[in-house]
Amino acid sequence: MTSKELLYIEDALGHEKYFQSECREAFEKLNDPELKSCVREMEEKHRRIFQNLYGLL
């Protein structure tokens, strides 16, 4: 991988961590079980994306 590609992956990893933390924060504030479930799924999706990107390193 080139250094530019590595920088892109590093940036993408940071975004995915941010999305995970935002989902966790939203989950804690929500009361509606259906919305909480949706947000939990989004958090899991971003966790998987993070793991896939990290695996490229």
PDB file of N, CA and C in Angstrom:
ATOM      1  N   MET A   1       0.838  -1.188   0.000  1.00  0.00           N
ATOM      2  CA  MET A   1       0.000   0.000   0.000  1.00  0.00           C
ATOM      3  C   MET A   1       0.879   1.246   0.000  1.00  0.00           C
ATOM      4  N   THR A   2       0.389   2.241  -0.678  1.00  0.00           N
ATOM      5  CA  THR A   2       1.131   3.501  -0.689  1.00  0.00           C
ATOM      6  C   THR A   2       0.846   4.262   0.598  1.00  0.00           C
ATOM      7  N   SER A   3       1.677   5.256   0.864  1.00  0.00           N
ATOM      8  CA  SER A   3       1.463   6.060   2.071  1.00  0.00           C
ATOM      9  C   SER A   3       0.140   6.819   1.991  1.00  0.00           C
ATOM     10  N   LYS A   4      -0.244   7.222   0.786  1.00  0.00           N
ATOM     11  CA  LYS A   4      -1.516   7.935   0.617  1.00  0.00           C
ATOM     12  C   LYS A   4      -2.699   7.001   0.928  1.00  0.00           C
ATOM     13  N   GLU A   5      -2.611   5.759   0.499  1.00  0.00           N
ATOM     14  CA  GLU A   5      -3.669   4.794   0.793  1.00  0.00           C
ATOM     15  C   GLU A   5      -3.746   4.517   2.292  1.00  0.00           C
ATOM     16  N   LEU A   6      -2.606   4.419   2.931  1.00  0.00           N
ATOM     17  CA  LEU A   6      -2.594   4.209   4.382  1.00  0.00           C
ATOM     18  C   LEU A   6      -3.220   5.385   5.121  1.00  0.00           C
ATOM     19  N   LEU A   7      -2.945   6.599   4.652  1.00  0.00           N
ATOM     20  CA  LEU A   7      -3.554   7.784   5.269  1.00  0.00           C
ATOM     21  C   LEU A   7      -5.072   7.765   5.093  1.00  0.00           C
ATOM     22  N   TYR A   8      -5.521   7.318   3.923  1.00  0.00           N
ATOM     23  CA  TYR A   8      -6.953   7.220   3.684  1.00  0.00           C
ATOM     24  C   TYR A   8      -7.592   6.232   4.665  1.00  0.00           C
ATOM     25  N   ILE A   9      -6.960   5.073   4.829  1.00  0.00           N
ATOM     26  CA  ILE A   9      -7.498   4.063   5.741  1.00  0.00           C
ATOM     27  C   ILE A   9      -7.487   4.571   7.173  1.00  0.00           C
ATOM     28  N   GLU A  10      -6.422   5.249   7.557  1.00  0.00           N
ATOM     29  CA  GLU A  10      -6.354   5.818   8.911  1.00  0.00           C
ATOM     30  C   GLU A  10      -7.489   6.812   9.133  1.00  0.00           C
ATOM     31  N   ASP A  11      -7.744   7.639   8.152  1.00  0.00           N
ATOM     32  CA  ASP A  11      -8.831   8.613   8.235  1.00  0.00           C
ATOM     33  C   ASP A  11     -10.186   7.904   8.319  1.00  0.00           C
ATOM     34  N   ALA A  12     -10.365   6.880   7.499  1.00  0.00           N
ATOM     35  CA  ALA A  12     -11.615   6.128   7.496  1.00  0.00           C
ATOM     36  C   ALA A  12     -11.824   5.423   8.838  1.00  0.00           C
ATOM     37  N   LEU A  13     -10.749   4.896   9.423  1.00  0.00           N
ATOM     38  CA  LEU A  13     -10.855   4.262  10.742  1.00  0.00           C
ATOM     39  C   LEU A  13     -11.341   5.268  11.785  1.00  0.00           C
ATOM     40  N   GLY A  14     -10.803   6.466  11.736  1.00  0.00           N
ATOM     41  CA  GLY A  14     -11.228   7.515  12.662  1.00  0.00           C
ATOM     42  C   GLY A  14     -12.704   7.850  12.499  1.00  0.00           C
ATOM     43  N   HIS A  15     -13.154   7.899  11.249  1.00  0.00           N
ATOM     44  CA  HIS A  15     -14.573   8.189  10.998  1.00  0.00           C
ATOM     45  C   HIS A  15     -15.457   7.077  11.551  1.00  0.00           C
ATOM     46  N   GLU A  16     -15.049   5.847  11.351  1.00  0.00           N
ATOM     47  CA  GLU A  16     -15.859   4.725  11.833  1.00  0.00           C
ATOM     48  C   GLU A  16     -15.920   4.704  13.363  1.00  0.00           C
ATOM     49  N   LYS A  17     -14.818   5.008  14.025  1.00  0.00           N
ATOM     50  CA  LYS A  17     -14.829   5.093  15.494  1.00  0.00           C
ATOM     51  C   LYS A  17     -15.774   6.211  15.947  1.00  0.00           C
ATOM     52  N   TYR A  18     -15.722   7.327  15.248  1.00  0.00           N
ATOM     53  CA  TYR A  18     -16.608   8.455  15.570  1.00  0.00           C
ATOM     54  C   TYR A  18     -18.078   8.044  15.415  1.00  0.00           C
ATOM     55  N   PHE A  19     -18.405   7.385  14.300  1.00  0.00           N
ATOM     56  CA  PHE A  19     -19.781   6.947  14.070  1.00  0.00           C
ATOM     57  C   PHE A  19     -20.235   5.983  15.160  1.00  0.00           C
ATOM     58  N   GLN A  20     -19.353   5.088  15.578  1.00  0.00           N
ATOM     59  CA  GLN A  20     -19.693   4.156  16.652  1.00  0.00           C
ATOM     60  C   GLN A  20     -20.026   4.902  17.939  1.00  0.00           C
ATOM     61  N   SER A  21     -19.196   5.875  18.281  1.00  0.00           N
ATOM     62  CA  SER A  21     -19.431   6.604  19.532  1.00  0.00           C
ATOM     63  C   SER A  21     -20.705   7.445  19.452  1.00  0.00           C
ATOM     64  N   GLU A  22     -21.000   7.996  18.287  1.00  0.00           N
ATOM     65  CA  GLU A  22     -22.229   8.764  18.124  1.00  0.00           C
ATOM     66  C   GLU A  22     -23.457   7.854  18.256  1.00  0.00           C
ATOM     67  N   CYS A  23     -23.362   6.670  17.700  1.00  0.00           N
ATOM     68  CA  CYS A  23     -24.471   5.712  17.816  1.00  0.00           C
ATOM     69  C   CYS A  23     -24.675   5.309  19.275  1.00  0.00           C
ATOM     70  N   ARG A  24     -23.583   5.049  19.985  1.00  0.00           N
ATOM     71  CA  ARG A  24     -23.692   4.675  21.403  1.00  0.00           C
ATOM     72  C   ARG A  24     -24.349   5.794  22.201  1.00  0.00           C
ATOM     73  N   GLU A  25     -23.933   7.016  21.933  1.00  0.00           N
ATOM     74  CA  GLU A  25     -24.493   8.172  22.645  1.00  0.00           C
ATOM     75  C   GLU A  25     -25.986   8.319  22.344  1.00  0.00           C
ATOM     76  N   ALA A  26     -26.357   8.170  21.077  1.00  0.00           N
ATOM     77  CA  ALA A  26     -27.766   8.278  20.694  1.00  0.00           C
ATOM     78  C   ALA A  26     -28.581   7.149  21.329  1.00  0.00           C
ATOM     79  N   PHE A  27     -28.016   5.946  21.343  1.00  0.00           N
ATOM     80  CA  PHE A  27     -28.695   4.791  21.927  1.00  0.00           C
ATOM     81  C   PHE A  27     -29.056   5.055  23.383  1.00  0.00           C
ATOM     82  N   GLU A  28     -28.137   5.634  24.120  1.00  0.00           N
ATOM     83  CA  GLU A  28     -28.360   5.897  25.540  1.00  0.00           C
ATOM     84  C   GLU A  28     -29.442   6.944  25.777  1.00  0.00           C
ATOM     85  N   LYS A  29     -29.637   7.837  24.817  1.00  0.00           N
ATOM     86  CA  LYS A  29     -30.608   8.917  24.983  1.00  0.00           C
ATOM     87  C   LYS A  29     -32.012   8.547  24.506  1.00  0.00           C
ATOM     88  N   LEU A  30     -32.108   7.515  23.682  1.00  0.00           N
ATOM     89  CA  LEU A  30     -33.402   7.146  23.108  1.00  0.00           C
ATOM     90  C   LEU A  30     -34.245   6.326  24.075  1.00  0.00           C
ATOM     91  N   ASN A  31     -35.561   6.474  23.951  1.00  0.00           N
ATOM     92  CA  ASN A  31     -36.495   5.698  24.750  1.00  0.00           C
ATOM     93  C   ASN A  31     -37.262   4.682  23.910  1.00  0.00           C
ATOM     94  N   ASP A  32     -37.455   4.990  22.644  1.00  0.00           N
ATOM     95  CA  ASP A  32     -38.227   4.126  21.762  1.00  0.00           C
ATOM     96  C   ASP A  32     -37.425   2.857  21.441  1.00  0.00           C
ATOM     97  N   PRO A  33     -37.958   1.684  21.781  1.00  0.00           N
ATOM     98  CA  PRO A  33     -37.225   0.427  21.553  1.00  0.00           C
ATOM     99  C   PRO A  33     -36.887   0.168  20.085  1.00  0.00           C
ATOM    100  N   GLU A  34     -37.783   0.566  19.191  1.00  0.00           N
ATOM    101  CA  GLU A  34     -37.540   0.352  17.763  1.00  0.00           C
ATOM    102  C   GLU A  34     -36.371   1.210  17.274  1.00  0.00           C
ATOM    103  N   LEU A  35     -36.347   2.469  17.700  1.00  0.00           N
ATOM    104  CA  LEU A  35     -35.239   3.347  17.327  1.00  0.00           C
ATOM    105  C   LEU A  35     -33.928   2.873  17.958  1.00  0.00           C
ATOM    106  N   LYS A  36     -33.994   2.438  19.197  1.00  0.00           N
ATOM    107  CA  LYS A  36     -32.793   1.934  19.871  1.00  0.00           C
ATOM    108  C   LYS A  36     -32.224   0.740  19.112  1.00  0.00           C
ATOM    109  N   SER A  37     -33.103  -0.135  18.657  1.00  0.00           N
ATOM    110  CA  SER A  37     -32.659  -1.302  17.898  1.00  0.00           C
ATOM    111  C   SER A  37     -31.982  -0.880  16.594  1.00  0.00           C
ATOM    112  N   CYS A  38     -32.560   0.083  15.918  1.00  0.00           N
ATOM    113  CA  CYS A  38     -31.999   0.588  14.663  1.00  0.00           C
ATOM    114  C   CYS A  38     -30.616   1.192  14.897  1.00  0.00           C
ATOM    115  N   VAL A  39     -30.488   1.991  15.939  1.00  0.00           N
ATOM    116  CA  VAL A  39     -29.213   2.637  16.252  1.00  0.00           C
ATOM    117  C   VAL A  39     -28.171   1.595  16.653  1.00  0.00           C
ATOM    118  N   ARG A  40     -28.598   0.578  17.382  1.00  0.00           N
ATOM    119  CA  ARG A  40     -27.672  -0.500  17.776  1.00  0.00           C
ATOM    120  C   ARG A  40     -27.148  -1.222  16.528  1.00  0.00           C
ATOM    121  N   GLU A  41     -28.032  -1.448  15.555  1.00  0.00           N
ATOM    122  CA  GLU A  41     -27.620  -2.083  14.304  1.00  0.00           C
ATOM    123  C   GLU A  41     -26.625  -1.212  13.547  1.00  0.00           C
ATOM    124  N   MET A  42     -26.857   0.092  13.541  1.00  0.00           N
ATOM    125  CA  MET A  42     -25.915   0.998  12.874  1.00  0.00           C
ATOM    126  C   MET A  42     -24.560   0.978  13.560  1.00  0.00           C
ATOM    127  N   GLU A  43     -24.563   0.941  14.889  1.00  0.00           N
ATOM    128  CA  GLU A  43     -23.301   0.868  15.623  1.00  0.00           C
ATOM    129  C   GLU A  43     -22.552  -0.412  15.258  1.00  0.00           C
ATOM    130  N   GLU A  44     -23.258  -1.511  15.190  1.00  0.00           N
ATOM    131  CA  GLU A  44     -22.645  -2.797  14.836  1.00  0.00           C
ATOM    132  C   GLU A  44     -22.092  -2.755  13.412  1.00  0.00           C
ATOM    133  N   LYS A  45     -22.835  -2.132  12.511  1.00  0.00           N
ATOM    134  CA  LYS A  45     -22.379  -2.007  11.125  1.00  0.00           C
ATOM    135  C   LYS A  45     -21.058  -1.237  11.067  1.00  0.00           C
ATOM    136  N   HIS A  46     -20.970  -0.144  11.803  1.00  0.00           N
ATOM    137  CA  HIS A  46     -19.738   0.656  11.803  1.00  0.00           C
ATOM    138  C   HIS A  46     -18.592  -0.079  12.496  1.00  0.00           C
ATOM    139  N   ARG A  47     -18.921  -0.923  13.470  1.00  0.00           N
ATOM    140  CA  ARG A  47     -17.889  -1.723  14.118  1.00  0.00           C
ATOM    141  C   ARG A  47     -17.308  -2.727  13.124  1.00  0.00           C
ATOM    142  N   ARG A  48     -18.183  -3.356  12.324  1.00  0.00           N
ATOM    143  CA  ARG A  48     -17.717  -4.312  11.316  1.00  0.00           C
ATOM    144  C   ARG A  48     -16.879  -3.623  10.243  1.00  0.00           C
ATOM    145  N   ILE A  49     -17.309  -2.441   9.811  1.00  0.00           N
ATOM    146  CA  ILE A  49     -16.549  -1.694   8.811  1.00  0.00           C
ATOM    147  C   ILE A  49     -15.166  -1.362   9.365  1.00  0.00           C
ATOM    148  N   PHE A  50     -15.126  -0.917  10.625  1.00  0.00           N
ATOM    149  CA  PHE A  50     -13.846  -0.612  11.260  1.00  0.00           C
ATOM    150  C   PHE A  50     -12.940  -1.848  11.246  1.00  0.00           C
ATOM    151  N   GLN A  51     -13.482  -2.983  11.636  1.00  0.00           N
ATOM    152  CA  GLN A  51     -12.683  -4.212  11.691  1.00  0.00           C
ATOM    153  C   GLN A  51     -12.176  -4.603  10.304  1.00  0.00           C
ATOM    154  N   ASN A  52     -13.014  -4.450   9.293  1.00  0.00           N
ATOM    155  CA  ASN A  52     -12.591  -4.774   7.929  1.00  0.00           C
ATOM    156  C   ASN A  52     -11.468  -3.860   7.465  1.00  0.00           C
ATOM    157  N   LEU A  53     -11.604  -2.570   7.719  1.00  0.00           N
ATOM    158  CA  LEU A  53     -10.550  -1.623   7.343  1.00  0.00           C
ATOM    159  C   LEU A  53      -9.265  -1.909   8.108  1.00  0.00           C
ATOM    160  N   TYR A  54      -9.400  -2.174   9.388  1.00  0.00           N
ATOM    161  CA  TYR A  54      -8.230  -2.464  10.230  1.00  0.00           C
ATOM    162  C   TYR A  54      -7.526  -3.730   9.728  1.00  0.00           C
ATOM    163  N   GLY A  55      -8.320  -4.668   9.259  1.00  0.00           N
ATOM    164  CA  GLY A  55      -7.754  -5.905   8.715  1.00  0.00           C
ATOM    165  C   GLY A  55      -6.881  -5.683   7.495  1.00  0.00           C
ATOM    166  N   LEU A  56      -7.121  -4.583   6.784  1.00  0.00           N
ATOM    167  CA  LEU A  56      -6.300  -4.280   5.621  1.00  0.00           C
ATOM    168  C   LEU A  56      -4.875  -3.899   6.002  1.00  0.00           C
ATOM    169  N   LEU A  57      -4.716  -3.464   7.235  1.00  0.00           N
ATOM    170  CA  LEU A  57      -3.385  -3.066   7.686  1.00  0.00           C
ATOM    171  C   LEU A  57      -2.619  -4.294   8.084  1.00  0.00           C
TER     172      LEU A  57
END
